[in-house]
Amino acid sequence: MKDVMQNHFKVKVAGIHLAGPNSTKTTLVIMTGHLGEGNLKISGIYDRMGTVNRLFSDDRLFEVLKGEAPDRVMIDSPLSVPPCVACTRAMCPGVNACEDIAVAYMQKMVDTKGGKKKKRPMNPQTQRIWDVKEWYHWHPSLQEPTYSSNKAPLVVRSLTLQRRLNSLAIPIVLHETSIPHALSVFVEQLGLSKELAYQYRAFGVGREKRQAILRHLVDARLVSSEIPPEISATVETFCAFVAAVVAGMEQSDLVSRPENEFFRDQGWVYLPRLREEGPKEKPPLN
């Protein structure tokens, strides 16, 4: 396991669970502490951030972030769109004839060395490079594309929030994570039961599983043992907490990072990295 004692400066980080605009489930968790010392603790919980009268939930979220001014923010919503959504061409030549480098790269990733096609789904209308690149590393339940009917409205809202945060005197940059994927990584790298990664939302046993995950994060010295019961009480607050933990890990260089600016600009999902991974085969661009 990578040495988590390598950084000792105090930080303030935030995690956002972005829920539907008509719900009251958007949640923000603020954590502060010295990285690597197991004392990263919760300093603020802003839950049930629904629309109040004419004040939208995203307006409230913006104001809280503006006031808290965290060093790093992780949000569990995509922050970029698939190539076809970003395309401004007047006429679409079709996927096979598309000259967009991202689409070409995605096409290359579904090829094998022998020239045969793997039966991998690839749809630049709903998927980004990260989706295709990481597709088969995950359980089928984690293979929801970026621009699915569930996520597309959240993408628009997260991008709008980022534009507003860019207008601040000191801009706040959002970083993307995925709670289901992050929990899968925690479970694998901490040697835990795989069911923890999938049952944290389950009716009846979900709270028990969330509490178990919290205990393991404390044992790994990633967070302080002073965790209020509200964190495991609801899925939404728990998700915001996990996003905040990943934000703290990013400050300590304990997350996966894009190999270059190309991958970063196409959309990158930051996930925990408690141990070094072996090199992955990279498909050529031409």
Protein backbone atom coordinates (compact mmCIF):
# COMPACT_ATOMS: atom_id res chain seq x y z
CA MET A 1 0.00 0.00 0.00
CA LYS A 2 1.21 3.47 -0.85
CA ASP A 3 2.48 5.49 2.10
CA VAL A 4 -0.43 7.68 3.17
CA MET A 5 1.80 9.53 5.61
CA GLN A 6 3.58 11.43 2.89
CA ASN A 7 1.60 14.70 3.19
CA HIS A 8 1.07 16.60 6.43
CA PHE A 9 -0.52 19.91 5.43
CA LYS A 10 -4.02 20.88 6.45
CA VAL A 11 -6.65 21.00 3.74
CA LYS A 12 -10.33 21.67 3.28
CA VAL A 13 -12.05 19.42 0.75
CA ALA A 14 -15.62 18.97 -0.40
CA GLY A 15 -17.72 16.20 -1.88
CA ILE A 16 -20.95 16.76 -3.79
CA HIS A 17 -23.74 14.31 -4.46
CA LEU A 18 -25.81 15.91 -7.21
CA ALA A 19 -29.43 14.77 -7.21
CA GLY A 20 -32.36 15.65 -9.44
CA PRO A 21 -33.37 19.34 -9.51
CA ASN A 22 -36.88 18.59 -8.26
CA SER A 23 -35.71 16.51 -5.31
CA THR A 24 -34.29 17.55 -1.95
CA LYS A 25 -31.40 15.09 -2.02
CA THR A 26 -28.44 17.12 -3.29
CA THR A 27 -25.82 16.98 -0.53
CA LEU A 28 -22.48 18.63 0.17
CA VAL A 29 -19.97 17.39 2.74
CA ILE A 30 -16.99 19.48 3.87
CA MET A 31 -13.95 17.82 5.47
CA THR A 32 -10.82 19.36 6.99
CA GLY A 33 -7.66 17.94 8.46
CA HIS A 34 -4.05 16.97 7.95
CA LEU A 35 -3.62 14.50 5.12
CA GLY A 36 -2.09 11.15 5.90
CA GLU A 37 -2.62 11.36 9.65
CA GLY A 38 -6.05 9.76 9.80
CA ASN A 39 -7.65 12.95 11.08
CA LEU A 40 -9.49 14.18 8.00
CA LYS A 41 -12.81 14.92 9.66
CA ILE A 42 -16.21 16.29 8.75
CA SER A 43 -16.62 20.01 9.39
CA GLY A 44 -19.91 20.57 7.58
CA ILE A 45 -22.88 18.67 6.18
CA TYR A 46 -25.30 20.48 3.87
CA ASP A 47 -28.07 18.02 3.08
CA ARG A 48 -31.57 18.22 1.62
CA MET A 49 -30.49 21.06 -0.67
CA GLY A 50 -33.69 21.25 -2.65
CA THR A 51 -35.31 24.27 -4.25
CA VAL A 52 -36.77 26.73 -1.73
CA ASN A 53 -39.29 29.19 -3.18
CA ARG A 54 -37.37 30.82 -6.06
CA LEU A 55 -33.94 29.77 -4.83
CA PHE A 56 -32.86 26.71 -6.80
CA SER A 57 -30.79 23.95 -5.22
CA ASP A 58 -27.86 24.72 -7.52
CA ASP A 59 -27.94 28.38 -6.40
CA ARG A 60 -27.69 27.24 -2.79
CA LEU A 61 -24.87 24.87 -3.71
CA PHE A 62 -22.96 27.67 -5.43
CA GLU A 63 -23.34 30.00 -2.43
CA VAL A 64 -22.11 27.36 0.03
CA LEU A 65 -19.06 26.54 -2.11
CA LYS A 66 -18.34 30.25 -2.49
CA GLY A 67 -18.42 30.70 1.27
CA GLU A 68 -16.49 27.55 2.18
CA ALA A 69 -13.82 27.97 -0.55
CA PRO A 70 -12.51 24.37 -0.36
CA ASP A 71 -9.08 23.44 -1.72
CA ARG A 72 -10.49 20.57 -3.77
CA VAL A 73 -14.03 19.56 -4.78
CA MET A 74 -15.17 16.19 -6.10
CA ILE A 75 -18.61 15.80 -7.64
CA ASP A 76 -20.32 12.52 -8.52
CA SER A 77 -21.54 13.78 -11.88
CA PRO A 78 -19.85 13.88 -15.30
CA LEU A 79 -18.15 17.17 -16.15
CA SER A 80 -17.78 16.66 -19.89
CA VAL A 81 -19.94 15.43 -22.73
CA PRO A 82 -19.45 12.68 -25.34
CA PRO A 83 -17.85 13.64 -28.68
CA CYS A 84 -21.13 13.67 -30.61
CA VAL A 85 -22.75 15.99 -28.08
CA ALA A 86 -19.80 18.39 -28.27
CA CYS A 87 -19.62 18.23 -32.09
CA THR A 88 -20.36 21.43 -34.03
CA ARG A 89 -20.12 20.02 -37.57
CA ALA A 90 -22.99 20.92 -39.86
CA MET A 91 -23.26 17.39 -41.22
CA CYS A 92 -22.47 14.08 -39.51
CA PRO A 93 -20.43 11.65 -41.67
CA GLY A 94 -21.24 8.74 -39.37
CA VAL A 95 -19.10 7.07 -36.75
CA ASN A 96 -16.92 5.07 -39.15
CA ALA A 97 -16.05 8.13 -41.25
CA CYS A 98 -15.77 10.60 -38.38
CA GLU A 99 -12.52 12.59 -38.28
CA ASP A 100 -12.82 13.56 -34.62
CA ILE A 101 -9.73 12.25 -32.83
CA ALA A 102 -11.75 11.16 -29.79
CA VAL A 103 -14.12 9.09 -31.91
CA ALA A 104 -11.18 7.59 -33.82
CA TYR A 105 -9.50 6.65 -30.56
CA MET A 106 -12.68 5.06 -29.25
CA GLN A 107 -12.97 3.08 -32.47
CA LYS A 108 -9.39 1.88 -32.09
CA MET A 109 -10.04 0.68 -28.57
CA VAL A 110 -12.67 -1.79 -29.76
CA ASP A 111 -10.20 -3.43 -32.16
CA THR A 112 -7.97 -6.40 -31.38
CA LYS A 113 -4.46 -6.96 -32.70
CA GLY A 114 -5.65 -9.64 -35.09
CA GLY A 115 -8.04 -7.25 -36.77
CA LYS A 116 -11.08 -8.91 -35.29
CA LYS A 117 -13.71 -6.90 -33.53
CA LYS A 118 -14.52 -7.43 -29.91
CA LYS A 119 -18.18 -7.16 -29.06
CA ARG A 120 -17.69 -4.01 -27.06
CA PRO A 121 -20.34 -1.32 -27.11
CA MET A 122 -19.09 1.98 -28.49
CA ASN A 123 -21.44 4.90 -28.97
CA PRO A 124 -19.90 8.41 -29.12
CA GLN A 125 -23.37 9.87 -28.63
CA THR A 126 -23.56 8.58 -25.06
CA GLN A 127 -20.00 7.54 -24.15
CA ARG A 128 -16.75 9.37 -23.58
CA ILE A 129 -13.28 7.91 -24.01
CA TRP A 130 -13.19 7.06 -20.29
CA ASP A 131 -16.35 5.01 -20.63
CA VAL A 132 -14.97 2.90 -23.47
CA LYS A 133 -11.44 2.71 -22.07
CA GLU A 134 -12.64 1.47 -18.67
CA TRP A 135 -15.76 -0.45 -19.76
CA TYR A 136 -14.64 -4.01 -19.14
CA HIS A 137 -12.77 -3.28 -15.92
CA TRP A 138 -16.05 -3.03 -14.05
CA HIS A 139 -19.06 -5.06 -13.04
CA PRO A 140 -21.94 -4.77 -15.58
CA SER A 141 -23.94 -2.73 -13.08
CA LEU A 142 -21.26 -0.01 -13.30
CA GLN A 143 -21.30 0.29 -17.08
CA GLU A 144 -23.84 3.10 -17.40
CA PRO A 145 -22.64 5.55 -20.08
CA THR A 146 -21.97 9.21 -19.36
CA TYR A 147 -24.91 10.56 -21.31
CA SER A 148 -27.59 8.07 -20.32
CA SER A 149 -31.12 9.30 -19.73
CA ASN A 150 -30.38 9.29 -15.99
CA LYS A 151 -27.13 11.24 -16.17
CA ALA A 152 -27.62 13.70 -19.03
CA PRO A 153 -29.56 16.29 -16.96
CA LEU A 154 -26.90 16.09 -14.23
CA VAL A 155 -24.14 16.71 -16.77
CA VAL A 156 -25.78 19.97 -17.87
CA ARG A 157 -26.18 21.11 -14.26
CA SER A 158 -22.62 20.25 -13.25
CA LEU A 159 -21.22 22.10 -16.27
CA THR A 160 -23.39 25.12 -15.45
CA LEU A 161 -22.19 25.03 -11.84
CA GLN A 162 -18.58 24.94 -13.05
CA ARG A 163 -19.13 28.00 -15.25
CA ARG A 164 -20.51 29.90 -12.28
CA LEU A 165 -17.60 28.84 -10.08
CA ASN A 166 -15.21 30.04 -12.79
CA SER A 167 -16.59 33.56 -12.29
CA LEU A 168 -15.30 33.80 -8.71
CA ALA A 169 -12.26 35.95 -7.91
CA ILE A 170 -10.51 32.69 -7.06
CA PRO A 171 -12.21 30.08 -9.26
CA ILE A 172 -13.19 26.74 -7.75
CA VAL A 173 -12.53 23.78 -10.04
CA LEU A 174 -14.77 20.74 -9.85
CA HIS A 175 -13.26 17.29 -10.30
CA GLU A 176 -15.28 14.27 -11.31
CA THR A 177 -15.55 11.01 -9.43
CA SER A 178 -17.99 8.11 -9.41
CA ILE A 179 -19.19 6.72 -6.10
CA PRO A 180 -19.98 3.16 -7.30
CA HIS A 181 -16.62 2.93 -9.04
CA ALA A 182 -14.74 4.47 -6.10
CA LEU A 183 -16.32 2.00 -3.68
CA SER A 184 -15.40 -0.89 -5.97
CA VAL A 185 -11.78 0.28 -5.88
CA PHE A 186 -11.80 0.65 -2.09
CA VAL A 187 -13.22 -2.85 -1.71
CA GLU A 188 -10.63 -4.36 -4.04
CA GLN A 189 -7.56 -2.52 -2.74
CA LEU A 190 -8.45 -2.87 0.94
CA GLY A 191 -9.24 -6.57 0.50
CA LEU A 192 -12.88 -6.28 1.59
CA SER A 193 -15.95 -8.32 0.73
CA LYS A 194 -17.18 -7.41 -2.76
CA GLU A 195 -20.77 -7.21 -1.58
CA LEU A 196 -19.95 -3.96 0.23
CA ALA A 197 -19.48 -2.21 -3.11
CA TYR A 198 -22.95 -3.16 -4.33
CA GLN A 199 -25.14 -3.34 -1.23
CA TYR A 200 -24.52 0.12 0.21
CA ARG A 201 -27.76 1.24 -1.47
CA ALA A 202 -29.76 -1.90 -0.67
CA PHE A 203 -33.01 -1.63 1.21
CA GLY A 204 -32.82 -3.12 4.67
CA VAL A 205 -29.06 -3.79 4.82
CA GLY A 206 -27.75 -0.64 3.12
CA ARG A 207 -27.09 1.32 6.28
CA GLU A 208 -25.24 -1.60 7.84
CA LYS A 209 -23.03 -1.90 4.74
CA ARG A 210 -22.35 1.83 4.71
CA GLN A 211 -21.28 1.71 8.35
CA ALA A 212 -18.96 -1.20 7.56
CA ILE A 213 -17.32 0.78 4.76
CA LEU A 214 -16.82 3.73 7.11
CA ARG A 215 -15.07 1.52 9.66
CA HIS A 216 -12.69 0.23 7.01
CA LEU A 217 -11.86 3.77 5.82
CA VAL A 218 -11.03 4.68 9.41
CA ASP A 219 -8.86 1.56 9.78
CA ALA A 220 -7.01 2.55 6.60
CA ARG A 221 -6.26 5.94 8.20
CA LEU A 222 -7.98 7.79 5.39
CA VAL A 223 -10.45 9.58 7.67
CA SER A 224 -10.97 10.39 11.33
CA SER A 225 -13.00 8.04 13.52
CA GLU A 226 -15.23 10.99 14.45
CA ILE A 227 -17.97 10.29 11.92
CA PRO A 228 -21.47 11.54 12.80
CA PRO A 229 -24.38 9.10 12.31
CA GLU A 230 -25.85 11.30 9.59
CA ILE A 231 -23.18 10.08 7.17
CA SER A 232 -24.50 6.52 7.07
CA ALA A 233 -28.15 7.48 7.61
CA THR A 234 -28.87 8.23 3.94
CA VAL A 235 -27.34 7.12 0.66
CA GLU A 236 -27.05 10.72 -0.52
CA THR A 237 -25.01 11.96 2.45
CA PHE A 238 -22.85 8.85 2.31
CA CYS A 239 -22.13 9.47 -1.39
CA ALA A 240 -21.15 13.08 -0.72
CA PHE A 241 -18.86 11.86 2.07
CA VAL A 242 -17.13 9.35 -0.22
CA ALA A 243 -16.65 12.08 -2.83
CA ALA A 244 -15.03 14.27 -0.15
CA VAL A 245 -12.72 11.40 0.85
CA VAL A 246 -11.63 11.04 -2.79
CA ALA A 247 -11.03 14.81 -2.88
CA GLY A 248 -8.73 14.46 0.13
CA MET A 249 -6.93 11.55 -1.51
CA GLU A 250 -6.43 13.62 -4.66
CA GLN A 251 -4.63 16.23 -2.58
CA SER A 252 -2.38 13.44 -1.31
CA ASP A 253 -1.79 12.03 -4.83
CA LEU A 254 -3.68 8.84 -4.01
CA VAL A 255 -5.98 8.83 -7.04
CA SER A 256 -5.80 7.62 -10.62
CA ARG A 257 -4.77 10.36 -13.01
CA PRO A 258 -5.10 10.87 -16.76
CA GLU A 259 -2.08 9.83 -18.78
CA ASN A 260 -2.03 13.15 -20.64
CA GLU A 261 -4.03 16.31 -21.33
CA PHE A 262 -5.97 14.58 -24.09
CA PHE A 263 -7.56 12.14 -21.66
CA ARG A 264 -8.10 14.89 -19.10
CA ASP A 265 -9.86 17.18 -21.55
CA GLN A 266 -12.09 14.38 -22.82
CA GLY A 267 -13.31 13.75 -19.28
CA TRP A 268 -11.56 11.91 -16.47
CA VAL A 269 -13.03 10.13 -13.45
CA TYR A 270 -10.75 10.32 -10.39
CA LEU A 271 -10.74 7.11 -8.36
CA PRO A 272 -8.81 5.99 -5.26
CA ARG A 273 -5.36 4.50 -5.80
CA LEU A 274 -3.94 2.94 -2.67
CA ARG A 275 -1.46 0.81 -4.56
CA GLU A 276 0.35 1.11 -7.84
CA GLU A 277 -1.25 -0.50 -10.88
CA GLY A 278 0.58 -2.29 -13.63
CA PRO A 279 0.90 -0.60 -17.02
CA LYS A 280 -2.13 -0.87 -19.29
CA GLU A 281 -1.86 -1.48 -23.01
CA LYS A 282 -2.61 1.72 -24.91
CA PRO A 283 -4.08 1.51 -28.41
CA PRO A 284 -2.37 3.62 -31.09
CA LEU A 285 -4.03 6.76 -32.38
CA ASN A 286 -3.52 5.86 -36.03
